[in-house]
C-alpha cells in the first residue's frame, strides 16, 4: 500500500545571483513499511527533497500526497495532524538539539505541540529513552553531556515521541564515528520492525544505503536519474552516474579492489543556478552524445521496475 507519493516535485530558491534549481521534477512513491534510500553527491538536492516533502520548505511546483491526501497546499494548522504522522531525524546531532533544554524537555516538546495529555509525558519520555538505548534517568541532563551517538539517539527518541508512521532520516549517521554508525542503523532497523515504521533514508554512504534500503533512488543535480530495488541497482546499475558512484565504493579486499574498473567522474557538478540543458549529467558523462543537450532525460522503466533517466540505456 502506498504511503507517500511525490509527483513532479520542484523546489527553487531565489538568491541575489538568480534562482537555484535545488529540486527539479522529482517523482517517486514510498510503500508502507519499506525503506527508500536517497543517494547522491553533496549538493544534489537530497536534503531539500526531504524537507520539502515534510513541508519545512514550501514546494515550488508538484504534488505531495500522503496516505491518499494531497498535502501540498495545506495551511500550517491543516498540516498539524500530518506533521504528527511524519517526522524527521536531522543530520547534525550537535546542532539539532537545543543546548538550553534538558533531554526530557527535548523529547517531550513534540508531545506538548500535538496535545498529548500531560500526565502521560513522563512515562513516555522514560520509555522512549529506553527504546533508543539510553537510561531513563538521563532525562534531566543536557545535550552537551552526551556523545555524538547518544545525541543522535535523543534525536531519534524525539522523532518517535508522537508515534509517527513515516520518518525522513536526513543523513542520520554522517556526523558520527564509523564505530557508532552501524549501531544507529541497526537500531533504526529494529525500530522499523517493532513499530511498523516507513523510512526515507537520505545518505551519501552507498554501502550503508544498500544495507538498510528496500529500494534506492539516485539523485544528480536535483533530479532522480535511477530508481530500482536495492539488490538490482547495486548488481545491475544502468545510468552512467550510478555506475561511476558504485565504482568508487571501497572494497576491503586489495586484490578485488585492484582488479575492479574505477570510473572517475570528470569535472565539477554544474551550478544549480544555471543547469545544463537536456540531460543534466551530460557535461560529465563518459558516454555523452551531442543529442543529449536537447533530450528530456525522464525516468523510464527498463524492465522489472528498474527506472533510468538515460535514453541510451
C-alpha atoms as a PDB file:
ATOM      1  CA  UNK A   1       0.000   0.000   0.000  1.00  0.00           C
ATOM      2  CA  UNK A   2       1.409   3.398  -0.996  1.00  0.00           C
ATOM      3  CA  UNK A   3       2.021   5.750   1.943  1.00  0.00           C
ATOM      4  CA  UNK A   4       3.690   8.650   0.146  1.00  0.00           C
ATOM      5  CA  UNK A   5       3.559   9.767  -3.462  1.00  0.00           C
ATOM      6  CA  UNK A   6       5.697  12.607  -4.772  1.00  0.00           C
ATOM      7  CA  UNK A   7       4.672  13.930  -8.189  1.00  0.00           C
ATOM      8  CA  UNK A   8       6.902  16.249 -10.256  1.00  0.00           C
ATOM      9  CA  UNK A   9       8.197  17.997  -7.137  1.00  0.00           C
ATOM     10  CA  UNK A  10      10.385  21.073  -7.642  1.00  0.00           C
ATOM     11  CA  UNK A  11      11.932  23.488  -5.168  1.00  0.00           C
ATOM     12  CA  UNK A  12      13.681  26.688  -6.231  1.00  0.00           C
ATOM     13  CA  UNK A  13      15.414  29.262  -4.050  1.00  0.00           C
ATOM     14  CA  UNK A  14      15.754  32.900  -5.073  1.00  0.00           C
ATOM     15  CA  UNK A  15      19.250  34.270  -4.425  1.00  0.00           C
ATOM     16  CA  UNK A  16      20.893  37.562  -5.487  1.00  0.00           C
ATOM     17  CA  UNK A  17      22.560  35.842  -8.450  1.00  0.00           C
ATOM     18  CA  UNK A  18      19.364  34.253  -9.748  1.00  0.00           C
ATOM     19  CA  UNK A  19      17.271  31.145  -8.987  1.00  0.00           C
ATOM     20  CA  UNK A  20      18.767  27.942  -7.573  1.00  0.00           C
ATOM     21  CA  UNK A  21      17.074  24.837  -9.011  1.00  0.00           C
ATOM     22  CA  UNK A  22      17.609  22.698  -5.910  1.00  0.00           C
ATOM     23  CA  UNK A  23      14.999  20.025  -6.733  1.00  0.00           C
ATOM     24  CA  UNK A  24      13.747  19.587 -10.290  1.00  0.00           C
ATOM     25  CA  UNK A  25      10.739  17.470 -11.325  1.00  0.00           C
ATOM     26  CA  UNK A  26      11.233  14.653  -8.794  1.00  0.00           C
ATOM     27  CA  UNK A  27       8.696  11.807  -8.712  1.00  0.00           C
ATOM     28  CA  UNK A  28       8.628   8.622  -6.629  1.00  0.00           C
ATOM     29  CA  UNK A  29       6.428   6.681  -4.228  1.00  0.00           C
ATOM     30  CA  UNK A  30       7.088   5.012  -0.886  1.00  0.00           C
ATOM     31  CA  UNK A  31       5.224   1.891   0.167  1.00  0.00           C
ATOM     32  CA  UNK A  32       4.094   1.408   3.747  1.00  0.00           C
ATOM     33  CA  UNK A  33       6.757  -0.380   5.798  1.00  0.00           C
ATOM     34  CA  UNK A  34       9.610  -0.021   3.294  1.00  0.00           C
ATOM     35  CA  UNK A  35      12.829   1.994   3.327  1.00  0.00           C
ATOM     36  CA  UNK A  36      13.565   4.133   0.288  1.00  0.00           C
ATOM     37  CA  UNK A  37      17.209   5.162   0.060  1.00  0.00           C
ATOM     38  CA  UNK A  38      18.011   8.552  -1.485  1.00  0.00           C
ATOM     39  CA  UNK A  39      21.662   8.899  -2.520  1.00  0.00           C
ATOM     40  CA  UNK A  40      23.914  11.239  -4.470  1.00  0.00           C
ATOM     41  CA  UNK A  41      26.790  13.670  -4.165  1.00  0.00           C
ATOM     42  CA  UNK A  42      26.699  16.550  -1.690  1.00  0.00           C
ATOM     43  CA  UNK A  43      24.516  19.365  -3.002  1.00  0.00           C
ATOM     44  CA  UNK A  44      22.397  17.186  -5.287  1.00  0.00           C
ATOM     45  CA  UNK A  45      19.143  18.086  -3.501  1.00  0.00           C
ATOM     46  CA  UNK A  46      18.602  15.070  -1.217  1.00  0.00           C
ATOM     47  CA  UNK A  47      18.049  17.040   1.976  1.00  0.00           C
ATOM     48  CA  UNK A  48      15.956  19.690   0.221  1.00  0.00           C
ATOM     49  CA  UNK A  49      13.729  16.928  -1.160  1.00  0.00           C
ATOM     50  CA  UNK A  50      13.182  15.525   2.332  1.00  0.00           C
ATOM     51  CA  UNK A  51      12.499  18.918   3.871  1.00  0.00           C
ATOM     52  CA  UNK A  52      10.086  19.850   1.081  1.00  0.00           C
ATOM     53  CA  UNK A  53       8.162  16.593   1.482  1.00  0.00           C
ATOM     54  CA  UNK A  54       7.630  17.315   5.167  1.00  0.00           C
ATOM     55  CA  UNK A  55       6.847  20.982   4.300  1.00  0.00           C
ATOM     56  CA  UNK A  56       9.727  22.563   6.215  1.00  0.00           C
ATOM     57  CA  UNK A  57      10.292  24.126   2.780  1.00  0.00           C
ATOM     58  CA  UNK A  58       7.295  25.078   0.674  1.00  0.00           C
ATOM     59  CA  UNK A  59       7.313  23.337  -2.742  1.00  0.00           C
ATOM     60  CA  UNK A  60       7.674  25.490  -5.848  1.00  0.00           C
ATOM     61  CA  UNK A  61       5.759  23.009  -8.017  1.00  0.00           C
ATOM     62  CA  UNK A  62       4.425  19.459  -7.944  1.00  0.00           C
ATOM     63  CA  UNK A  63       2.334  17.455  -5.511  1.00  0.00           C
ATOM     64  CA  UNK A  64       2.925  15.663  -2.211  1.00  0.00           C
ATOM     65  CA  UNK A  65       0.289  13.019  -1.475  1.00  0.00           C
ATOM     66  CA  UNK A  66       0.391  11.392   1.957  1.00  0.00           C
ATOM     67  CA  UNK A  67      -1.851   8.404   2.609  1.00  0.00           C
ATOM     68  CA  UNK A  68      -4.094   9.400  -0.294  1.00  0.00           C
ATOM     69  CA  UNK A  69      -4.467  13.080   0.629  1.00  0.00           C
ATOM     70  CA  UNK A  70      -2.821  15.984  -1.188  1.00  0.00           C
ATOM     71  CA  UNK A  71      -0.939  17.965   1.474  1.00  0.00           C
ATOM     72  CA  UNK A  72       0.928  20.280  -0.931  1.00  0.00           C
ATOM     73  CA  UNK A  73      -1.055  23.442  -0.201  1.00  0.00           C
ATOM     74  CA  UNK A  74      -2.353  22.843   3.331  1.00  0.00           C
ATOM     75  CA  UNK A  75      -2.032  25.676   5.844  1.00  0.00           C
ATOM     76  CA  UNK A  76       0.202  25.172   8.921  1.00  0.00           C
ATOM     77  CA  UNK A  77      -2.899  24.478  11.013  1.00  0.00           C
ATOM     78  CA  UNK A  78      -4.195  21.931   8.479  1.00  0.00           C
ATOM     79  CA  UNK A  79      -0.722  20.342   8.313  1.00  0.00           C
ATOM     80  CA  UNK A  80      -0.527  19.714  12.062  1.00  0.00           C
ATOM     81  CA  UNK A  81      -2.209  16.262  12.025  1.00  0.00           C
ATOM     82  CA  UNK A  82       0.083  15.219   9.164  1.00  0.00           C
ATOM     83  CA  UNK A  83       3.203  16.505  10.923  1.00  0.00           C
ATOM     84  CA  UNK A  84       2.307  14.145  13.753  1.00  0.00           C
ATOM     85  CA  UNK A  85       2.420  11.274  11.275  1.00  0.00           C
ATOM     86  CA  UNK A  86       5.624  12.450   9.516  1.00  0.00           C
ATOM     87  CA  UNK A  87       8.765  13.217  11.482  1.00  0.00           C
ATOM     88  CA  UNK A  88      12.407  13.903  10.680  1.00  0.00           C
ATOM     89  CA  UNK A  89      15.772  12.834  12.102  1.00  0.00           C
ATOM     90  CA  UNK A  90      18.274  15.582  11.351  1.00  0.00           C
ATOM     91  CA  UNK A  91      21.835  15.193  10.135  1.00  0.00           C
ATOM     92  CA  UNK A  92      23.795  17.027  12.823  1.00  0.00           C
ATOM     93  CA  UNK A  93      23.070  15.837  16.373  1.00  0.00           C
ATOM     94  CA  UNK A  94      25.152  18.746  17.705  1.00  0.00           C
ATOM     95  CA  UNK A  95      23.068  21.448  16.008  1.00  0.00           C
ATOM     96  CA  UNK A  96      19.595  19.886  16.087  1.00  0.00           C
ATOM     97  CA  UNK A  97      19.231  19.720  19.885  1.00  0.00           C
ATOM     98  CA  UNK A  98      18.574  22.878  21.917  1.00  0.00           C
ATOM     99  CA  UNK A  99      21.514  23.158  24.356  1.00  0.00           C
ATOM    100  CA  UNK A 100      19.346  25.027  26.877  1.00  0.00           C
ATOM    101  CA  UNK A 101      16.772  22.249  27.154  1.00  0.00           C
ATOM    102  CA  UNK A 102      17.136  19.032  29.115  1.00  0.00           C
ATOM    103  CA  UNK A 103      16.873  15.752  27.240  1.00  0.00           C
ATOM    104  CA  UNK A 104      13.479  15.155  28.824  1.00  0.00           C
ATOM    105  CA  UNK A 105      12.191  18.513  27.606  1.00  0.00           C
ATOM    106  CA  UNK A 106      13.565  17.896  24.098  1.00  0.00           C
ATOM    107  CA  UNK A 107      11.734  14.572  23.803  1.00  0.00           C
ATOM    108  CA  UNK A 108       8.636  15.993  25.499  1.00  0.00           C
ATOM    109  CA  UNK A 109       8.306  19.045  23.220  1.00  0.00           C
ATOM    110  CA  UNK A 110       6.521  17.251  20.302  1.00  0.00           C
ATOM    111  CA  UNK A 111       4.025  15.819  22.813  1.00  0.00           C
ATOM    112  CA  UNK A 112       3.200  19.334  24.001  1.00  0.00           C
ATOM    113  CA  UNK A 113       2.815  20.640  20.430  1.00  0.00           C
ATOM    114  CA  UNK A 114       0.497  17.802  19.410  1.00  0.00           C
ATOM    115  CA  UNK A 115      -1.661  17.876  22.532  1.00  0.00           C
ATOM    116  CA  UNK A 116      -0.739  14.566  24.149  1.00  0.00           C
ATOM    117  CA  UNK A 117      -2.117  14.562  27.729  1.00  0.00           C
ATOM    118  CA  UNK A 118       0.426  15.967  30.182  1.00  0.00           C
ATOM    119  CA  UNK A 119       0.076  13.122  32.649  1.00  0.00           C
ATOM    120  CA  UNK A 120       1.462  10.726  30.008  1.00  0.00           C
ATOM    121  CA  UNK A 121       4.602  12.728  29.249  1.00  0.00           C
ATOM    122  CA  UNK A 122       6.982  11.454  31.943  1.00  0.00           C
ATOM    123  CA  UNK A 123       6.249   7.776  31.319  1.00  0.00           C
ATOM    124  CA  UNK A 124       6.531   8.233  27.547  1.00  0.00           C
ATOM    125  CA  UNK A 125       9.846  10.089  27.824  1.00  0.00           C
ATOM    126  CA  UNK A 126      11.285   7.326  30.022  1.00  0.00           C
ATOM    127  CA  UNK A 127      10.005   4.643  27.630  1.00  0.00           C
ATOM    128  CA  UNK A 128      11.402   6.400  24.547  1.00  0.00           C
ATOM    129  CA  UNK A 129      14.839   6.882  26.084  1.00  0.00           C
ATOM    130  CA  UNK A 130      14.996   3.188  26.961  1.00  0.00           C
ATOM    131  CA  UNK A 131      13.770   2.348  23.451  1.00  0.00           C
ATOM    132  CA  UNK A 132      16.765   4.099  21.857  1.00  0.00           C
ATOM    133  CA  UNK A 133      19.300   2.591  24.245  1.00  0.00           C
ATOM    134  CA  UNK A 134      19.589   5.370  26.824  1.00  0.00           C
ATOM    135  CA  UNK A 135      18.871   5.396  30.546  1.00  0.00           C
ATOM    136  CA  UNK A 136      15.591   6.981  31.622  1.00  0.00           C
ATOM    137  CA  UNK A 137      17.474   8.646  34.499  1.00  0.00           C
ATOM    138  CA  UNK A 138      19.359  10.728  31.906  1.00  0.00           C
ATOM    139  CA  UNK A 139      16.245  12.797  31.141  1.00  0.00           C
ATOM    140  CA  UNK A 140      17.421  15.601  33.441  1.00  0.00           C
ATOM    141  CA  UNK A 141      20.785  16.050  31.713  1.00  0.00           C
ATOM    142  CA  UNK A 142      21.703  18.462  28.902  1.00  0.00           C
ATOM    143  CA  UNK A 143      22.857  17.639  25.340  1.00  0.00           C
ATOM    144  CA  UNK A 144      26.470  18.725  25.952  1.00  0.00           C
ATOM    145  CA  UNK A 145      26.816  15.889  28.468  1.00  0.00           C
ATOM    146  CA  UNK A 146      26.333  13.269  25.717  1.00  0.00           C
ATOM    147  CA  UNK A 147      28.473  11.901  22.905  1.00  0.00           C
ATOM    148  CA  UNK A 148      27.520  12.363  19.230  1.00  0.00           C
ATOM    149  CA  UNK A 149      25.996   8.889  19.014  1.00  0.00           C
ATOM    150  CA  UNK A 150      23.979   9.439  22.184  1.00  0.00           C
ATOM    151  CA  UNK A 151      22.752  12.807  20.903  1.00  0.00           C
ATOM    152  CA  UNK A 152      21.526  11.184  17.707  1.00  0.00           C
ATOM    153  CA  UNK A 153      19.660   8.630  19.829  1.00  0.00           C
ATOM    154  CA  UNK A 154      17.984  11.572  21.588  1.00  0.00           C
ATOM    155  CA  UNK A 155      17.031  12.976  18.190  1.00  0.00           C
ATOM    156  CA  UNK A 156      15.530   9.613  17.240  1.00  0.00           C
ATOM    157  CA  UNK A 157      13.589   9.475  20.521  1.00  0.00           C
ATOM    158  CA  UNK A 158      12.221  12.954  19.766  1.00  0.00           C
ATOM    159  CA  UNK A 159      11.133  11.833  16.286  1.00  0.00           C
ATOM    160  CA  UNK A 160       9.320   8.844  17.810  1.00  0.00           C
ATOM    161  CA  UNK A 161       7.606  10.889  20.533  1.00  0.00           C
ATOM    162  CA  UNK A 162       4.299  11.321  18.670  1.00  0.00           C
ATOM    163  CA  UNK A 163       4.206   7.807  17.172  1.00  0.00           C
ATOM    164  CA  UNK A 164       4.798   8.765  13.517  1.00  0.00           C
ATOM    165  CA  UNK A 165       4.269   6.454  10.556  1.00  0.00           C
ATOM    166  CA  UNK A 166       6.886   7.967   8.210  1.00  0.00           C
ATOM    167  CA  UNK A 167      10.337   9.145   9.291  1.00  0.00           C
ATOM    168  CA  UNK A 168      12.686  11.042   6.980  1.00  0.00           C
ATOM    169  CA  UNK A 169      16.220  10.174   8.065  1.00  0.00           C
ATOM    170  CA  UNK A 170      18.419  13.016   6.790  1.00  0.00           C
ATOM    171  CA  UNK A 171      21.937  11.544   6.775  1.00  0.00           C
ATOM    172  CA  UNK A 172      21.493  10.446  10.405  1.00  0.00           C
ATOM    173  CA  UNK A 173      24.918   8.799  10.613  1.00  0.00           C
ATOM    174  CA  UNK A 174      27.184  11.066   8.553  1.00  0.00           C
ATOM    175  CA  UNK A 175      28.307  13.145  11.562  1.00  0.00           C
ATOM    176  CA  UNK A 176      29.077  10.072  13.694  1.00  0.00           C
ATOM    177  CA  UNK A 177      32.175   7.943  14.172  1.00  0.00           C
ATOM    178  CA  UNK A 178      32.300   4.878  11.938  1.00  0.00           C
ATOM    179  CA  UNK A 179      32.198   2.635  15.022  1.00  0.00           C
ATOM    180  CA  UNK A 180      28.833   4.163  16.018  1.00  0.00           C
ATOM    181  CA  UNK A 181      27.206   4.293  12.571  1.00  0.00           C
ATOM    182  CA  UNK A 182      26.347   0.591  12.386  1.00  0.00           C
ATOM    183  CA  UNK A 183      24.801   0.706  15.874  1.00  0.00           C
ATOM    184  CA  UNK A 184      22.466   3.540  14.865  1.00  0.00           C
ATOM    185  CA  UNK A 185      21.477   1.857  11.583  1.00  0.00           C
ATOM    186  CA  UNK A 186      20.806  -1.469  13.324  1.00  0.00           C
ATOM    187  CA  UNK A 187      18.687   0.337  15.904  1.00  0.00           C
ATOM    188  CA  UNK A 188      16.686   2.057  13.152  1.00  0.00           C
ATOM    189  CA  UNK A 189      16.049  -1.335  11.543  1.00  0.00           C
ATOM    190  CA  UNK A 190      14.908  -2.810  14.868  1.00  0.00           C
ATOM    191  CA  UNK A 191      12.589   0.146  15.474  1.00  0.00           C
ATOM    192  CA  UNK A 192      11.144  -0.222  11.984  1.00  0.00           C
ATOM    193  CA  UNK A 193      10.273  -3.869  12.627  1.00  0.00           C
ATOM    194  CA  UNK A 194       8.836  -3.329  16.106  1.00  0.00           C
ATOM    195  CA  UNK A 195       6.904  -0.108  15.375  1.00  0.00           C
ATOM    196  CA  UNK A 196       5.950  -0.661  11.716  1.00  0.00           C
ATOM    197  CA  UNK A 197       7.766   2.464  10.517  1.00  0.00           C
ATOM    198  CA  UNK A 198       8.372   3.650   6.960  1.00  0.00           C
ATOM    199  CA  UNK A 199      11.670   5.405   6.175  1.00  0.00           C
ATOM    200  CA  UNK A 200      13.146   7.700   3.571  1.00  0.00           C
ATOM    201  CA  UNK A 201      16.852   7.232   4.270  1.00  0.00           C
ATOM    202  CA  UNK A 202      18.989  10.060   2.863  1.00  0.00           C
ATOM    203  CA  UNK A 203      22.727   9.358   2.697  1.00  0.00           C
ATOM    204  CA  UNK A 204      25.868   9.503   0.626  1.00  0.00           C
ATOM    205  CA  UNK A 205      27.325   6.296   2.109  1.00  0.00           C
ATOM    206  CA  UNK A 206      26.341   3.838  -0.623  1.00  0.00           C
ATOM    207  CA  UNK A 207      27.309   0.745   1.360  1.00  0.00           C
ATOM    208  CA  UNK A 208      25.078   1.696   4.291  1.00  0.00           C
ATOM    209  CA  UNK A 209      22.176   2.563   1.985  1.00  0.00           C
ATOM    210  CA  UNK A 210      22.416  -0.867   0.386  1.00  0.00           C
ATOM    211  CA  UNK A 211      22.258  -2.453   3.839  1.00  0.00           C
ATOM    212  CA  UNK A 212      19.138  -0.661   5.061  1.00  0.00           C
ATOM    213  CA  UNK A 213      17.098   0.155   1.922  1.00  0.00           C
ATOM    214  CA  UNK A 214      14.424  -1.814   0.083  1.00  0.00           C
ATOM    215  CA  UNK A 215      14.717   0.462  -2.970  1.00  0.00           C
ATOM    216  CA  UNK A 216      17.239   3.138  -3.869  1.00  0.00           C
ATOM    217  CA  UNK A 217      16.816   6.407  -5.802  1.00  0.00           C
ATOM    218  CA  UNK A 218      19.948   8.113  -7.161  1.00  0.00           C
ATOM    219  CA  UNK A 219      19.908  11.910  -7.445  1.00  0.00           C
ATOM    220  CA  UNK A 220      22.062  14.189  -9.553  1.00  0.00           C
ATOM    221  CA  UNK A 221      21.723  17.986  -9.686  1.00  0.00           C
ATOM    222  CA  UNK A 222      18.201  17.962  -8.255  1.00  0.00           C
ATOM    223  CA  UNK A 223      16.843  15.119 -10.401  1.00  0.00           C
ATOM    224  CA  UNK A 224      16.372  11.395  -9.850  1.00  0.00           C
ATOM    225  CA  UNK A 225      18.390   9.619 -12.547  1.00  0.00           C
ATOM    226  CA  UNK A 226      17.824   5.994 -11.480  1.00  0.00           C
ATOM    227  CA  UNK A 227      15.490   4.105  -9.151  1.00  0.00           C
ATOM    228  CA  UNK A 228      15.367   0.357  -8.535  1.00  0.00           C
ATOM    229  CA  UNK A 229      15.251  -2.319  -5.875  1.00  0.00           C
ATOM    230  CA  UNK A 230      18.402  -2.211  -3.784  1.00  0.00           C
ATOM    231  CA  UNK A 231      19.886  -5.525  -4.964  1.00  0.00           C
ATOM    232  CA  UNK A 232      19.061  -4.788  -8.600  1.00  0.00           C
ATOM    233  CA  UNK A 233      20.601  -1.304  -8.501  1.00  0.00           C
ATOM    234  CA  UNK A 234      23.863  -2.453  -6.937  1.00  0.00           C
ATOM    235  CA  UNK A 235      24.333  -5.507  -9.148  1.00  0.00           C
ATOM    236  CA  UNK A 236      22.978  -4.030 -12.389  1.00  0.00           C
ATOM    237  CA  UNK A 237      23.392  -0.228 -12.413  1.00  0.00           C
ATOM    238  CA  UNK A 238      22.318   1.333 -15.701  1.00  0.00           C
ATOM    239  CA  UNK A 239      22.774   5.093 -15.558  1.00  0.00           C
ATOM    240  CA  UNK A 240      26.400   6.187 -16.172  1.00  0.00           C
ATOM    241  CA  UNK A 241      26.304   8.318 -12.999  1.00  0.00           C
ATOM    242  CA  UNK A 242      25.223   5.363 -10.850  1.00  0.00           C
ATOM    243  CA  UNK A 243      27.892   3.165 -12.439  1.00  0.00           C
ATOM    244  CA  UNK A 244      30.542   5.728 -11.543  1.00  0.00           C
ATOM    245  CA  UNK A 245      29.267   6.141  -7.972  1.00  0.00           C
ATOM    246  CA  UNK A 246      29.279   2.400  -7.338  1.00  0.00           C
ATOM    247  CA  UNK A 247      32.775   2.009  -8.779  1.00  0.00           C
ATOM    248  CA  UNK A 248      34.023   4.354  -6.043  1.00  0.00           C
ATOM    249  CA  UNK A 249      32.792   2.226  -3.104  1.00  0.00           C
ATOM    250  CA  UNK A 250      35.864   0.995  -1.190  1.00  0.00           C
ATOM    251  CA  UNK A 251      36.403  -2.780  -1.181  1.00  0.00           C
ATOM    252  CA  UNK A 252      38.320  -4.211   1.799  1.00  0.00           C
ATOM    253  CA  UNK A 253      39.953  -6.916  -0.363  1.00  0.00           C
ATOM    254  CA  UNK A 254      43.025  -5.361  -2.108  1.00  0.00           C
ATOM    255  CA  UNK A 255      43.023  -7.946  -4.915  1.00  0.00           C
ATOM    256  CA  UNK A 256      39.377  -7.314  -5.784  1.00  0.00           C
ATOM    257  CA  UNK A 257      39.859  -3.578  -5.446  1.00  0.00           C
ATOM    258  CA  UNK A 258      42.821  -3.564  -7.849  1.00  0.00           C
ATOM    259  CA  UNK A 259      41.012  -5.682 -10.421  1.00  0.00           C
ATOM    260  CA  UNK A 260      37.827  -3.600 -10.403  1.00  0.00           C
ATOM    261  CA  UNK A 261      37.350  -0.912 -13.025  1.00  0.00           C
ATOM    262  CA  UNK A 262      37.220   2.558 -11.496  1.00  0.00           C
ATOM    263  CA  UNK A 263      35.223   5.151 -13.418  1.00  0.00           C
ATOM    264  CA  UNK A 264      36.136   8.594 -12.038  1.00  0.00           C
ATOM    265  CA  UNK A 265      33.878  11.483 -12.929  1.00  0.00           C
ATOM    266  CA  UNK A 266      35.473  14.346 -14.825  1.00  0.00           C
ATOM    267  CA  UNK A 267      34.931  17.991 -13.926  1.00  0.00           C
ATOM    268  CA  UNK A 268      32.723  19.577 -11.309  1.00  0.00           C
ATOM    269  CA  UNK A 269      28.978  19.443 -10.695  1.00  0.00           C
ATOM    270  CA  UNK A 270      27.378  22.234 -12.764  1.00  0.00           C
ATOM    271  CA  UNK A 271      25.837  25.153 -10.910  1.00  0.00           C
ATOM    272  CA  UNK A 272      22.193  24.738  -9.918  1.00  0.00           C
ATOM    273  CA  UNK A 273      21.850  28.431 -10.830  1.00  0.00           C
ATOM    274  CA  UNK A 274      22.373  27.538 -14.477  1.00  0.00           C
ATOM    275  CA  UNK A 275      21.873  23.778 -15.003  1.00  0.00           C
ATOM    276  CA  UNK A 276      22.768  22.289 -18.399  1.00  0.00           C
ATOM    277  CA  UNK A 277      20.045  21.859 -20.988  1.00  0.00           C
ATOM    278  CA  UNK A 278      18.787  18.368 -21.749  1.00  0.00           C
ATOM    279  CA  UNK A 279      20.405  15.713 -19.562  1.00  0.00           C
ATOM    280  CA  UNK A 280      21.977  17.434 -16.553  1.00  0.00           C
ATOM    281  CA  UNK A 281      24.723  14.789 -16.366  1.00  0.00           C
ATOM    282  CA  UNK A 282      25.906  15.204 -19.953  1.00  0.00           C
ATOM    283  CA  UNK A 283      28.748  17.613 -19.044  1.00  0.00           C
ATOM    284  CA  UNK A 284      30.459  14.855 -17.017  1.00  0.00           C
ATOM    285  CA  UNK A 285      29.145  11.718 -18.700  1.00  0.00           C
ATOM    286  CA  UNK A 286      31.743   9.440 -20.361  1.00  0.00           C
ATOM    287  CA  UNK A 287      29.055   8.287 -22.835  1.00  0.00           C
ATOM    288  CA  UNK A 288      27.575  11.692 -23.682  1.00  0.00           C
ATOM    289  CA  UNK A 289      26.428  12.352 -27.265  1.00  0.00           C
ATOM    290  CA  UNK A 290      25.687  15.677 -28.967  1.00  0.00           C
ATOM    291  CA  UNK A 291      21.956  14.967 -28.898  1.00  0.00           C
ATOM    292  CA  UNK A 292      21.991  14.742 -25.056  1.00  0.00           C
ATOM    293  CA  UNK A 293      21.846  18.558 -24.953  1.00  0.00           C
ATOM    294  CA  UNK A 294      18.360  18.548 -26.436  1.00  0.00           C
ATOM    295  CA  UNK A 295      16.883  15.399 -24.871  1.00  0.00           C
ATOM    296  CA  UNK A 296      14.459  15.489 -21.964  1.00  0.00           C
ATOM    297  CA  UNK A 297      16.008  12.802 -19.755  1.00  0.00           C
ATOM    298  CA  UNK A 298      12.923  11.490 -17.908  1.00  0.00           C
ATOM    299  CA  UNK A 299      12.749   8.299 -15.869  1.00  0.00           C
ATOM    300  CA  UNK A 300      11.511   5.323 -17.866  1.00  0.00           C
ATOM    301  CA  UNK A 301      11.041   1.661 -16.968  1.00  0.00           C
ATOM    302  CA  UNK A 302      13.803  -0.500 -18.417  1.00  0.00           C
ATOM    303  CA  UNK A 303      12.206  -3.682 -17.077  1.00  0.00           C
ATOM    304  CA  UNK A 304      11.248  -5.148 -13.687  1.00  0.00           C
ATOM    305  CA  UNK A 305      10.538  -1.710 -12.240  1.00  0.00           C
ATOM    306  CA  UNK A 306      14.106  -0.529 -12.840  1.00  0.00           C
ATOM    307  CA  UNK A 307      13.770   3.155 -13.774  1.00  0.00           C
ATOM    308  CA  UNK A 308      16.556   5.014 -15.559  1.00  0.00           C
ATOM    309  CA  UNK A 309      16.729   8.531 -16.999  1.00  0.00           C
ATOM    310  CA  UNK A 310      19.338   7.804 -19.657  1.00  0.00           C
ATOM    311  CA  UNK A 311      17.612   7.412 -23.060  1.00  0.00           C
ATOM    312  CA  UNK A 312      20.531   5.378 -24.419  1.00  0.00           C
ATOM    313  CA  UNK A 313      20.326   2.583 -21.817  1.00  0.00           C
END
